[in-house]
All heavy atoms as atom14 arrays in JSON, in Angstrom:
{
  "sequence": "YYSMKDPLWADYPYDAANTPEIEVISNSGCGPTSMAMAVSTALNRA",
  "atom14_mask": [
    [1, 1, 1, 1, 1, 1, 1, 1, 1, 1, 1, 1, 0, 0],
    [1, 1, 1, 1, 1, 1, 1, 1, 1, 1, 1, 1, 0, 0],
    [1, 1, 1, 1, 1, 1, 0, 0, 0, 0, 0, 0, 0, 0],
    [1, 1, 1, 1, 1, 1, 1, 1, 0, 0, 0, 0, 0, 0],
    [1, 1, 1, 1, 1, 1, 1, 1, 1, 0, 0, 0, 0, 0],
    [1, 1, 1, 1, 1, 1, 1, 1, 0, 0, 0, 0, 0, 0],
    [1, 1, 1, 1, 1, 1, 1, 0, 0, 0, 0, 0, 0, 0],
    [1, 1, 1, 1, 1, 1, 1, 1, 0, 0, 0, 0, 0, 0],
    [1, 1, 1, 1, 1, 1, 1, 1, 1, 1, 1, 1, 1, 1],
    [1, 1, 1, 1, 1, 0, 0, 0, 0, 0, 0, 0, 0, 0],
    [1, 1, 1, 1, 1, 1, 1, 1, 0, 0, 0, 0, 0, 0],
    [1, 1, 1, 1, 1, 1, 1, 1, 1, 1, 1, 1, 0, 0],
    [1, 1, 1, 1, 1, 1, 1, 0, 0, 0, 0, 0, 0, 0],
    [1, 1, 1, 1, 1, 1, 1, 1, 1, 1, 1, 1, 0, 0],
    [1, 1, 1, 1, 1, 1, 1, 1, 0, 0, 0, 0, 0, 0],
    [1, 1, 1, 1, 1, 0, 0, 0, 0, 0, 0, 0, 0, 0],
    [1, 1, 1, 1, 1, 0, 0, 0, 0, 0, 0, 0, 0, 0],
    [1, 1, 1, 1, 1, 1, 1, 1, 0, 0, 0, 0, 0, 0],
    [1, 1, 1, 1, 1, 1, 1, 0, 0, 0, 0, 0, 0, 0],
    [1, 1, 1, 1, 1, 1, 1, 0, 0, 0, 0, 0, 0, 0],
    [1, 1, 1, 1, 1, 1, 1, 1, 1, 0, 0, 0, 0, 0],
    [1, 1, 1, 1, 1, 1, 1, 1, 0, 0, 0, 0, 0, 0],
    [1, 1, 1, 1, 1, 1, 1, 1, 1, 0, 0, 0, 0, 0],
    [1, 1, 1, 1, 1, 1, 1, 0, 0, 0, 0, 0, 0, 0],
    [1, 1, 1, 1, 1, 1, 1, 1, 0, 0, 0, 0, 0, 0],
    [1, 1, 1, 1, 1, 1, 0, 0, 0, 0, 0, 0, 0, 0],
    [1, 1, 1, 1, 1, 1, 1, 1, 0, 0, 0, 0, 0, 0],
    [1, 1, 1, 1, 1, 1, 0, 0, 0, 0, 0, 0, 0, 0],
    [1, 1, 1, 1, 0, 0, 0, 0, 0, 0, 0, 0, 0, 0],
    [1, 1, 1, 1, 1, 1, 0, 0, 0, 0, 0, 0, 0, 0],
    [1, 1, 1, 1, 0, 0, 0, 0, 0, 0, 0, 0, 0, 0],
    [1, 1, 1, 1, 1, 1, 1, 0, 0, 0, 0, 0, 0, 0],
    [1, 1, 1, 1, 1, 1, 1, 0, 0, 0, 0, 0, 0, 0],
    [1, 1, 1, 1, 1, 1, 0, 0, 0, 0, 0, 0, 0, 0],
    [1, 1, 1, 1, 1, 1, 1, 1, 0, 0, 0, 0, 0, 0],
    [1, 1, 1, 1, 1, 0, 0, 0, 0, 0, 0, 0, 0, 0],
    [1, 1, 1, 1, 1, 1, 1, 1, 0, 0, 0, 0, 0, 0],
    [1, 1, 1, 1, 1, 0, 0, 0, 0, 0, 0, 0, 0, 0],
    [1, 1, 1, 1, 1, 1, 1, 0, 0, 0, 0, 0, 0, 0],
    [1, 1, 1, 1, 1, 1, 0, 0, 0, 0, 0, 0, 0, 0],
    [1, 1, 1, 1, 1, 1, 1, 0, 0, 0, 0, 0, 0, 0],
    [1, 1, 1, 1, 1, 0, 0, 0, 0, 0, 0, 0, 0, 0],
    [1, 1, 1, 1, 1, 1, 1, 1, 0, 0, 0, 0, 0, 0],
    [1, 1, 1, 1, 1, 1, 1, 1, 0, 0, 0, 0, 0, 0],
    [1, 1, 1, 1, 1, 1, 1, 1, 1, 1, 1, 0, 0, 0],
    [1, 1, 1, 1, 1, 0, 0, 0, 0, 0, 0, 0, 0, 0]
  ],
  "atom14_positions": [
    [[92.91, 119.52, 119.1], [92.02, 118.52, 118.55], [92.64, 117.95, 117.3], [93.17, 118.72, 116.48], [90.62, 119.07, 118.26], [89.73, 118.05, 117.52], [89.12, 117.04, 118.23], [89.59, 118.12, 116.17], [88.33, 116.08, 117.55], [88.81, 117.17, 115.48], [88.19, 116.18, 116.22], [87.45, 115.24, 115.55], [0.0, 0.0, 0.0], [0.0, 0.0, 0.0]],
    [[92.52, 116.64, 117.06], [92.91, 116.0, 115.83], [91.79, 115.08, 115.35], [91.06, 114.52, 116.17], [94.18, 115.15, 115.99], [95.41, 115.83, 116.41], [96.04, 115.47, 117.59], [95.99, 116.8, 115.62], [97.18, 116.15, 117.99], [97.17, 117.49, 116.01], [97.75, 117.1, 117.26], [98.9, 117.74, 117.6], [0.0, 0.0, 0.0], [0.0, 0.0, 0.0]],
    [[91.61, 115.01, 114.05], [90.61, 114.12, 113.46], [91.28, 112.94, 112.8], [92.27, 113.14, 112.07], [89.75, 114.9, 112.44], [88.98, 114.02, 111.66], [0.0, 0.0, 0.0], [0.0, 0.0, 0.0], [0.0, 0.0, 0.0], [0.0, 0.0, 0.0], [0.0, 0.0, 0.0], [0.0, 0.0, 0.0], [0.0, 0.0, 0.0], [0.0, 0.0, 0.0]],
    [[90.74, 111.74, 112.95], [91.15, 110.57, 112.14], [90.97, 110.82, 110.66], [91.68, 110.23, 109.88], [90.4, 109.36, 112.57], [90.59, 108.89, 113.98], [89.31, 107.76, 114.53], [89.33, 106.45, 113.3], [0.0, 0.0, 0.0], [0.0, 0.0, 0.0], [0.0, 0.0, 0.0], [0.0, 0.0, 0.0], [0.0, 0.0, 0.0], [0.0, 0.0, 0.0]],
    [[89.99, 111.68, 110.3], [89.64, 111.91, 108.89], [90.43, 113.04, 108.23], [90.21, 113.32, 107.09], [88.13, 112.22, 108.81], [87.23, 111.2, 109.5], [87.26, 109.83, 108.82], [86.21, 108.94, 109.46], [86.18, 107.57, 108.78], [0.0, 0.0, 0.0], [0.0, 0.0, 0.0], [0.0, 0.0, 0.0], [0.0, 0.0, 0.0], [0.0, 0.0, 0.0]],
    [[91.4, 113.63, 108.97], [92.15, 114.74, 108.45], [92.86, 114.22, 107.17], [93.57, 113.18, 107.27], [93.2, 115.17, 109.49], [93.91, 116.45, 109.06], [94.31, 116.57, 107.89], [94.03, 117.38, 109.93], [0.0, 0.0, 0.0], [0.0, 0.0, 0.0], [0.0, 0.0, 0.0], [0.0, 0.0, 0.0], [0.0, 0.0, 0.0], [0.0, 0.0, 0.0]],
    [[92.71, 114.87, 106.02], [93.32, 114.39, 104.77], [94.82, 114.33, 104.85], [95.46, 113.64, 104.06], [92.85, 115.36, 103.73], [92.32, 116.59, 104.47], [91.89, 116.08, 105.8], [0.0, 0.0, 0.0], [0.0, 0.0, 0.0], [0.0, 0.0, 0.0], [0.0, 0.0, 0.0], [0.0, 0.0, 0.0], [0.0, 0.0, 0.0], [0.0, 0.0, 0.0]],
    [[95.44, 115.01, 105.84], [96.91, 114.95, 105.97], [97.4, 113.55, 106.3], [98.47, 113.1, 105.86], [97.37, 115.95, 107.01], [98.84, 116.3, 107.02], [99.26, 116.99, 105.71], [99.2, 117.23, 108.17], [0.0, 0.0, 0.0], [0.0, 0.0, 0.0], [0.0, 0.0, 0.0], [0.0, 0.0, 0.0], [0.0, 0.0, 0.0], [0.0, 0.0, 0.0]],
    [[96.56, 112.8, 107.07], [97.0, 111.43, 107.51], [95.9, 110.39, 107.42], [96.03, 109.29, 107.81], [97.55, 111.46, 108.91], [96.65, 112.15, 109.9], [95.42, 111.71, 110.34], [96.97, 113.36, 110.6], [94.92, 112.58, 111.25], [95.83, 113.63, 111.49], [98.02, 114.24, 110.6], [95.8, 114.78, 112.24], [97.97, 115.38, 111.44], [96.85, 115.58, 112.22]],
    [[94.69, 110.74, 106.9], [93.58, 109.79, 106.86], [93.89, 108.48, 106.23], [93.5, 107.38, 106.69], [92.4, 110.42, 106.12], [0.0, 0.0, 0.0], [0.0, 0.0, 0.0], [0.0, 0.0, 0.0], [0.0, 0.0, 0.0], [0.0, 0.0, 0.0], [0.0, 0.0, 0.0], [0.0, 0.0, 0.0], [0.0, 0.0, 0.0], [0.0, 0.0, 0.0]],
    [[94.72, 108.47, 105.17], [95.09, 107.26, 104.45], [96.36, 106.67, 104.86], [96.91, 105.76, 104.19], [95.08, 107.56, 102.95], [93.7, 107.91, 102.41], [92.69, 107.39, 102.99], [93.54, 108.68, 101.44], [0.0, 0.0, 0.0], [0.0, 0.0, 0.0], [0.0, 0.0, 0.0], [0.0, 0.0, 0.0], [0.0, 0.0, 0.0], [0.0, 0.0, 0.0]],
    [[96.95, 107.2, 105.96], [98.21, 106.66, 106.39], [98.0, 105.32, 107.1], [97.08, 105.13, 107.9], [98.91, 107.64, 107.4], [100.3, 107.28, 107.76], [101.32, 107.52, 106.82], [100.62, 106.81, 109.05], [102.63, 107.2, 107.16], [101.94, 106.5, 109.36], [102.94, 106.73, 108.44], [104.22, 106.43, 108.74], [0.0, 0.0, 0.0], [0.0, 0.0, 0.0]],
    [[98.85, 104.29, 106.8], [98.58, 102.96, 107.35], [98.66, 102.86, 108.86], [99.59, 103.43, 109.48], [99.71, 102.1, 106.69], [100.11, 102.85, 105.48], [99.93, 104.33, 105.82], [0.0, 0.0, 0.0], [0.0, 0.0, 0.0], [0.0, 0.0, 0.0], [0.0, 0.0, 0.0], [0.0, 0.0, 0.0], [0.0, 0.0, 0.0], [0.0, 0.0, 0.0]],
    [[97.68, 102.19, 109.42], [97.74, 101.74, 110.81], [97.24, 100.28, 110.74], [96.12, 99.93, 111.06], [96.84, 102.53, 111.72], [97.03, 102.24, 113.19], [98.26, 102.02, 113.76], [95.88, 102.13, 114.0], [98.42, 101.69, 115.08], [96.01, 101.8, 115.32], [97.24, 101.56, 115.89], [97.38, 101.26, 117.24], [0.0, 0.0, 0.0], [0.0, 0.0, 0.0]],
    [[98.14, 99.47, 110.2], [97.69, 98.15, 109.65], [97.84, 97.04, 110.64], [98.8, 96.91, 111.41], [98.58, 97.87, 108.42], [98.04, 96.73, 107.61], [96.81, 96.51, 107.6], [98.89, 96.01, 106.91], [0.0, 0.0, 0.0], [0.0, 0.0, 0.0], [0.0, 0.0, 0.0], [0.0, 0.0, 0.0], [0.0, 0.0, 0.0], [0.0, 0.0, 0.0]],
    [[96.85, 96.13, 110.61], [96.89, 94.92, 111.39], [97.55, 93.84, 110.55], [97.17, 93.62, 109.39], [95.52, 94.46, 111.83], [0.0, 0.0, 0.0], [0.0, 0.0, 0.0], [0.0, 0.0, 0.0], [0.0, 0.0, 0.0], [0.0, 0.0, 0.0], [0.0, 0.0, 0.0], [0.0, 0.0, 0.0], [0.0, 0.0, 0.0], [0.0, 0.0, 0.0]],
    [[98.56, 93.2, 111.15], [99.47, 92.31, 110.31], [98.71, 91.16, 109.69], [99.09, 90.65, 108.63], [100.57, 91.84, 111.23], [0.0, 0.0, 0.0], [0.0, 0.0, 0.0], [0.0, 0.0, 0.0], [0.0, 0.0, 0.0], [0.0, 0.0, 0.0], [0.0, 0.0, 0.0], [0.0, 0.0, 0.0], [0.0, 0.0, 0.0], [0.0, 0.0, 0.0]],
    [[97.69, 90.6, 110.37], [97.08, 89.33, 109.93], [95.74, 89.54, 109.15], [95.03, 88.6, 109.02], [96.77, 88.5, 111.14], [98.04, 88.08, 111.88], [99.15, 88.08, 111.31], [97.97, 87.77, 113.17], [0.0, 0.0, 0.0], [0.0, 0.0, 0.0], [0.0, 0.0, 0.0], [0.0, 0.0, 0.0], [0.0, 0.0, 0.0], [0.0, 0.0, 0.0]],
    [[95.55, 90.71, 108.63], [94.33, 90.93, 107.85], [94.73, 91.17, 106.4], [95.84, 91.69, 106.06], [93.57, 92.16, 108.33], [94.38, 93.3, 108.3], [93.07, 91.95, 109.75], [0.0, 0.0, 0.0], [0.0, 0.0, 0.0], [0.0, 0.0, 0.0], [0.0, 0.0, 0.0], [0.0, 0.0, 0.0], [0.0, 0.0, 0.0], [0.0, 0.0, 0.0]],
    [[93.89, 90.8, 105.41], [94.25, 90.94, 104.01], [94.2, 92.39, 103.54], [94.96, 92.74, 102.64], [93.17, 90.1, 103.32], [92.02, 90.07, 104.23], [92.59, 90.05, 105.59], [0.0, 0.0, 0.0], [0.0, 0.0, 0.0], [0.0, 0.0, 0.0], [0.0, 0.0, 0.0], [0.0, 0.0, 0.0], [0.0, 0.0, 0.0], [0.0, 0.0, 0.0]],
    [[93.36, 93.21, 104.16], [93.31, 94.62, 103.73], [94.32, 95.48, 104.53], [94.88, 94.98, 105.55], [91.9, 95.16, 103.94], [91.42, 95.26, 105.42], [90.87, 94.01, 105.93], [90.91, 92.98, 105.26], [90.31, 94.04, 107.07], [0.0, 0.0, 0.0], [0.0, 0.0, 0.0], [0.0, 0.0, 0.0], [0.0, 0.0, 0.0], [0.0, 0.0, 0.0]],
    [[94.63, 96.63, 104.05], [95.49, 97.58, 104.76], [94.64, 98.59, 105.49], [94.02, 99.48, 104.84], [96.48, 98.26, 103.8], [97.38, 97.18, 103.17], [97.31, 99.31, 104.54], [98.32, 97.78, 102.14], [0.0, 0.0, 0.0], [0.0, 0.0, 0.0], [0.0, 0.0, 0.0], [0.0, 0.0, 0.0], [0.0, 0.0, 0.0], [0.0, 0.0, 0.0]],
    [[94.57, 98.46, 106.82], [93.78, 99.44, 107.61], [94.6, 100.77, 107.72], [95.82, 100.77, 107.71], [93.49, 98.9, 109.01], [92.53, 97.74, 109.0], [93.3, 96.42, 108.97], [94.52, 96.42, 108.83], [92.62, 95.34, 109.02], [0.0, 0.0, 0.0], [0.0, 0.0, 0.0], [0.0, 0.0, 0.0], [0.0, 0.0, 0.0], [0.0, 0.0, 0.0]],
    [[93.88, 101.87, 107.8], [94.49, 103.18, 107.86], [93.95, 103.95, 109.06], [93.01, 103.51, 109.78], [94.17, 103.94, 106.52], [94.82, 103.29, 105.34], [92.67, 104.12, 106.3], [0.0, 0.0, 0.0], [0.0, 0.0, 0.0], [0.0, 0.0, 0.0], [0.0, 0.0, 0.0], [0.0, 0.0, 0.0], [0.0, 0.0, 0.0], [0.0, 0.0, 0.0]],
    [[94.52, 105.1, 109.29], [94.16, 105.91, 110.44], [92.67, 106.23, 110.45], [92.01, 106.22, 111.45], [95.05, 107.13, 110.63], [96.45, 106.7, 111.05], [94.47, 108.17, 111.54], [97.44, 107.86, 111.17], [0.0, 0.0, 0.0], [0.0, 0.0, 0.0], [0.0, 0.0, 0.0], [0.0, 0.0, 0.0], [0.0, 0.0, 0.0], [0.0, 0.0, 0.0]],
    [[92.12, 106.61, 109.28], [90.76, 107.02, 109.23], [89.73, 106.01, 109.67], [88.65, 106.32, 110.07], [90.36, 107.52, 107.8], [90.45, 106.5, 106.87], [0.0, 0.0, 0.0], [0.0, 0.0, 0.0], [0.0, 0.0, 0.0], [0.0, 0.0, 0.0], [0.0, 0.0, 0.0], [0.0, 0.0, 0.0], [0.0, 0.0, 0.0], [0.0, 0.0, 0.0]],
    [[90.1, 104.7, 109.59], [89.15, 103.67, 110.02], [89.64, 102.85, 111.21], [88.87, 101.99, 111.67], [88.81, 102.75, 108.82], [89.97, 101.99, 108.25], [90.93, 101.7, 108.99], [89.92, 101.65, 106.98], [0.0, 0.0, 0.0], [0.0, 0.0, 0.0], [0.0, 0.0, 0.0], [0.0, 0.0, 0.0], [0.0, 0.0, 0.0], [0.0, 0.0, 0.0]],
    [[90.8, 103.08, 111.69], [91.24, 102.22, 112.84], [92.17, 103.0, 113.79], [92.66, 102.37, 114.75], [92.0, 101.0, 112.33], [93.15, 101.31, 111.61], [0.0, 0.0, 0.0], [0.0, 0.0, 0.0], [0.0, 0.0, 0.0], [0.0, 0.0, 0.0], [0.0, 0.0, 0.0], [0.0, 0.0, 0.0], [0.0, 0.0, 0.0], [0.0, 0.0, 0.0]],
    [[92.39, 104.28, 113.62], [93.36, 105.01, 114.43], [92.8, 105.87, 115.54], [93.43, 106.83, 115.93], [0.0, 0.0, 0.0], [0.0, 0.0, 0.0], [0.0, 0.0, 0.0], [0.0, 0.0, 0.0], [0.0, 0.0, 0.0], [0.0, 0.0, 0.0], [0.0, 0.0, 0.0], [0.0, 0.0, 0.0], [0.0, 0.0, 0.0], [0.0, 0.0, 0.0]],
    [[91.67, 105.42, 116.12], [91.08, 106.25, 117.19], [91.96, 106.26, 118.4], [92.02, 107.32, 119.1], [89.65, 105.77, 117.53], [89.54, 104.0, 118.01], [0.0, 0.0, 0.0], [0.0, 0.0, 0.0], [0.0, 0.0, 0.0], [0.0, 0.0, 0.0], [0.0, 0.0, 0.0], [0.0, 0.0, 0.0], [0.0, 0.0, 0.0], [0.0, 0.0, 0.0]],
    [[92.67, 105.14, 118.7], [93.53, 105.12, 119.92], [94.71, 106.12, 119.79], [94.85, 107.0, 120.62], [0.0, 0.0, 0.0], [0.0, 0.0, 0.0], [0.0, 0.0, 0.0], [0.0, 0.0, 0.0], [0.0, 0.0, 0.0], [0.0, 0.0, 0.0], [0.0, 0.0, 0.0], [0.0, 0.0, 0.0], [0.0, 0.0, 0.0], [0.0, 0.0, 0.0]],
    [[95.5, 105.97, 118.74], [96.62, 106.9, 118.63], [96.19, 108.38, 118.44], [96.79, 109.29, 118.95], [97.3, 106.43, 117.32], [97.01, 105.0, 117.28], [95.62, 104.8, 117.83], [0.0, 0.0, 0.0], [0.0, 0.0, 0.0], [0.0, 0.0, 0.0], [0.0, 0.0, 0.0], [0.0, 0.0, 0.0], [0.0, 0.0, 0.0], [0.0, 0.0, 0.0]],
    [[95.04, 108.6, 117.79], [94.53, 109.98, 117.57], [94.08, 110.57, 118.89], [94.42, 111.74, 119.2], [93.35, 109.98, 116.55], [93.84, 109.4, 115.36], [92.93, 111.37, 116.27], [0.0, 0.0, 0.0], [0.0, 0.0, 0.0], [0.0, 0.0, 0.0], [0.0, 0.0, 0.0], [0.0, 0.0, 0.0], [0.0, 0.0, 0.0], [0.0, 0.0, 0.0]],
    [[93.36, 109.82, 119.71], [92.95, 110.29, 121.04], [94.17, 110.57, 121.91], [94.18, 111.61, 122.64], [92.01, 109.29, 121.71], [90.79, 109.19, 120.99], [0.0, 0.0, 0.0], [0.0, 0.0, 0.0], [0.0, 0.0, 0.0], [0.0, 0.0, 0.0], [0.0, 0.0, 0.0], [0.0, 0.0, 0.0], [0.0, 0.0, 0.0], [0.0, 0.0, 0.0]],
    [[95.12, 109.65, 121.88], [96.34, 109.9, 122.7], [97.09, 111.12, 122.21], [97.68, 111.84, 123.07], [97.21, 108.65, 122.62], [98.38, 108.66, 123.66], [97.74, 108.75, 125.37], [99.27, 108.66, 126.31], [0.0, 0.0, 0.0], [0.0, 0.0, 0.0], [0.0, 0.0, 0.0], [0.0, 0.0, 0.0], [0.0, 0.0, 0.0], [0.0, 0.0, 0.0]],
    [[97.13, 111.32, 120.89], [97.86, 112.47, 120.37], [97.17, 113.77, 120.87], [97.89, 114.73, 121.2], [97.83, 112.43, 118.85], [0.0, 0.0, 0.0], [0.0, 0.0, 0.0], [0.0, 0.0, 0.0], [0.0, 0.0, 0.0], [0.0, 0.0, 0.0], [0.0, 0.0, 0.0], [0.0, 0.0, 0.0], [0.0, 0.0, 0.0], [0.0, 0.0, 0.0]],
    [[95.85, 113.79, 120.96], [95.2, 114.95, 121.52], [95.62, 115.16, 122.99], [95.97, 116.31, 123.38], [93.67, 114.77, 121.49], [93.03, 114.89, 120.16], [91.23, 114.93, 120.34], [90.76, 113.42, 119.41], [0.0, 0.0, 0.0], [0.0, 0.0, 0.0], [0.0, 0.0, 0.0], [0.0, 0.0, 0.0], [0.0, 0.0, 0.0], [0.0, 0.0, 0.0]],
    [[95.6, 114.1, 123.76], [95.98, 114.24, 125.17], [97.41, 114.68, 125.37], [97.65, 115.59, 126.17], [95.76, 112.87, 125.9], [0.0, 0.0, 0.0], [0.0, 0.0, 0.0], [0.0, 0.0, 0.0], [0.0, 0.0, 0.0], [0.0, 0.0, 0.0], [0.0, 0.0, 0.0], [0.0, 0.0, 0.0], [0.0, 0.0, 0.0], [0.0, 0.0, 0.0]],
    [[98.35, 114.07, 124.72], [99.78, 114.42, 124.82], [100.02, 115.84, 124.34], [100.74, 116.6, 124.98], [100.68, 113.41, 124.14], [102.09, 113.81, 124.16], [100.44, 112.01, 124.73], [0.0, 0.0, 0.0], [0.0, 0.0, 0.0], [0.0, 0.0, 0.0], [0.0, 0.0, 0.0], [0.0, 0.0, 0.0], [0.0, 0.0, 0.0], [0.0, 0.0, 0.0]],
    [[99.51, 116.17, 123.19], [99.73, 117.54, 122.64], [99.19, 118.59, 123.51], [99.81, 119.65, 123.7], [99.06, 117.61, 121.22], [99.64, 116.73, 120.33], [0.0, 0.0, 0.0], [0.0, 0.0, 0.0], [0.0, 0.0, 0.0], [0.0, 0.0, 0.0], [0.0, 0.0, 0.0], [0.0, 0.0, 0.0], [0.0, 0.0, 0.0], [0.0, 0.0, 0.0]],
    [[98.02, 118.34, 124.12], [97.43, 119.31, 125.04], [98.22, 119.46, 126.3], [98.53, 120.56, 126.78], [95.98, 118.94, 125.38], [95.2, 118.91, 124.17], [95.33, 119.95, 126.36], [0.0, 0.0, 0.0], [0.0, 0.0, 0.0], [0.0, 0.0, 0.0], [0.0, 0.0, 0.0], [0.0, 0.0, 0.0], [0.0, 0.0, 0.0], [0.0, 0.0, 0.0]],
    [[98.65, 118.31, 126.82], [99.43, 118.35, 128.12], [100.76, 118.99, 127.93], [101.24, 119.72, 128.86], [99.67, 116.88, 128.6], [0.0, 0.0, 0.0], [0.0, 0.0, 0.0], [0.0, 0.0, 0.0], [0.0, 0.0, 0.0], [0.0, 0.0, 0.0], [0.0, 0.0, 0.0], [0.0, 0.0, 0.0], [0.0, 0.0, 0.0], [0.0, 0.0, 0.0]],
    [[101.44, 118.78, 126.83], [102.79, 119.29, 126.62], [102.89, 120.57, 125.83], [103.93, 121.15, 125.67], [103.64, 118.26, 125.9], [103.83, 116.88, 126.61], [104.73, 115.97, 125.85], [104.39, 117.08, 128.03], [0.0, 0.0, 0.0], [0.0, 0.0, 0.0], [0.0, 0.0, 0.0], [0.0, 0.0, 0.0], [0.0, 0.0, 0.0], [0.0, 0.0, 0.0]],
    [[101.69, 121.0, 125.25], [101.67, 122.16, 124.36], [102.67, 121.96, 123.21], [103.45, 122.85, 122.81], [102.02, 123.48, 125.11], [101.67, 124.68, 124.31], [100.72, 124.7, 123.54], [102.44, 125.76, 124.51], [0.0, 0.0, 0.0], [0.0, 0.0, 0.0], [0.0, 0.0, 0.0], [0.0, 0.0, 0.0], [0.0, 0.0, 0.0], [0.0, 0.0, 0.0]],
    [[102.66, 120.73, 122.69], [103.49, 120.3, 121.62], [102.78, 119.44, 120.64], [102.0, 118.54, 121.07], [104.71, 119.59, 122.19], [105.81, 119.27, 121.19], [107.1, 118.87, 121.89], [107.27, 117.44, 122.07], [107.64, 116.88, 123.22], [107.76, 117.66, 124.33], [107.79, 115.59, 123.33], [0.0, 0.0, 0.0], [0.0, 0.0, 0.0], [0.0, 0.0, 0.0]],
    [[103.0, 119.63, 119.39], [102.18, 118.9, 118.37], [102.71, 117.45, 118.13], [103.56, 117.23, 117.26], [102.16, 119.67, 117.03], [0.0, 0.0, 0.0], [0.0, 0.0, 0.0], [0.0, 0.0, 0.0], [0.0, 0.0, 0.0], [0.0, 0.0, 0.0], [0.0, 0.0, 0.0], [0.0, 0.0, 0.0], [0.0, 0.0, 0.0], [0.0, 0.0, 0.0]]
  ]
}
């Protein structure tokens, strides 16, 4: 399991190019985070 809110990467950019603010994993990274769970579980690799 991984959390978007994990302080290790919560503030890491996952930015949309055409917006004035800088989006981060904690507010926009549900896709990569969910996929990371699936891949890590399938491969037994982080």
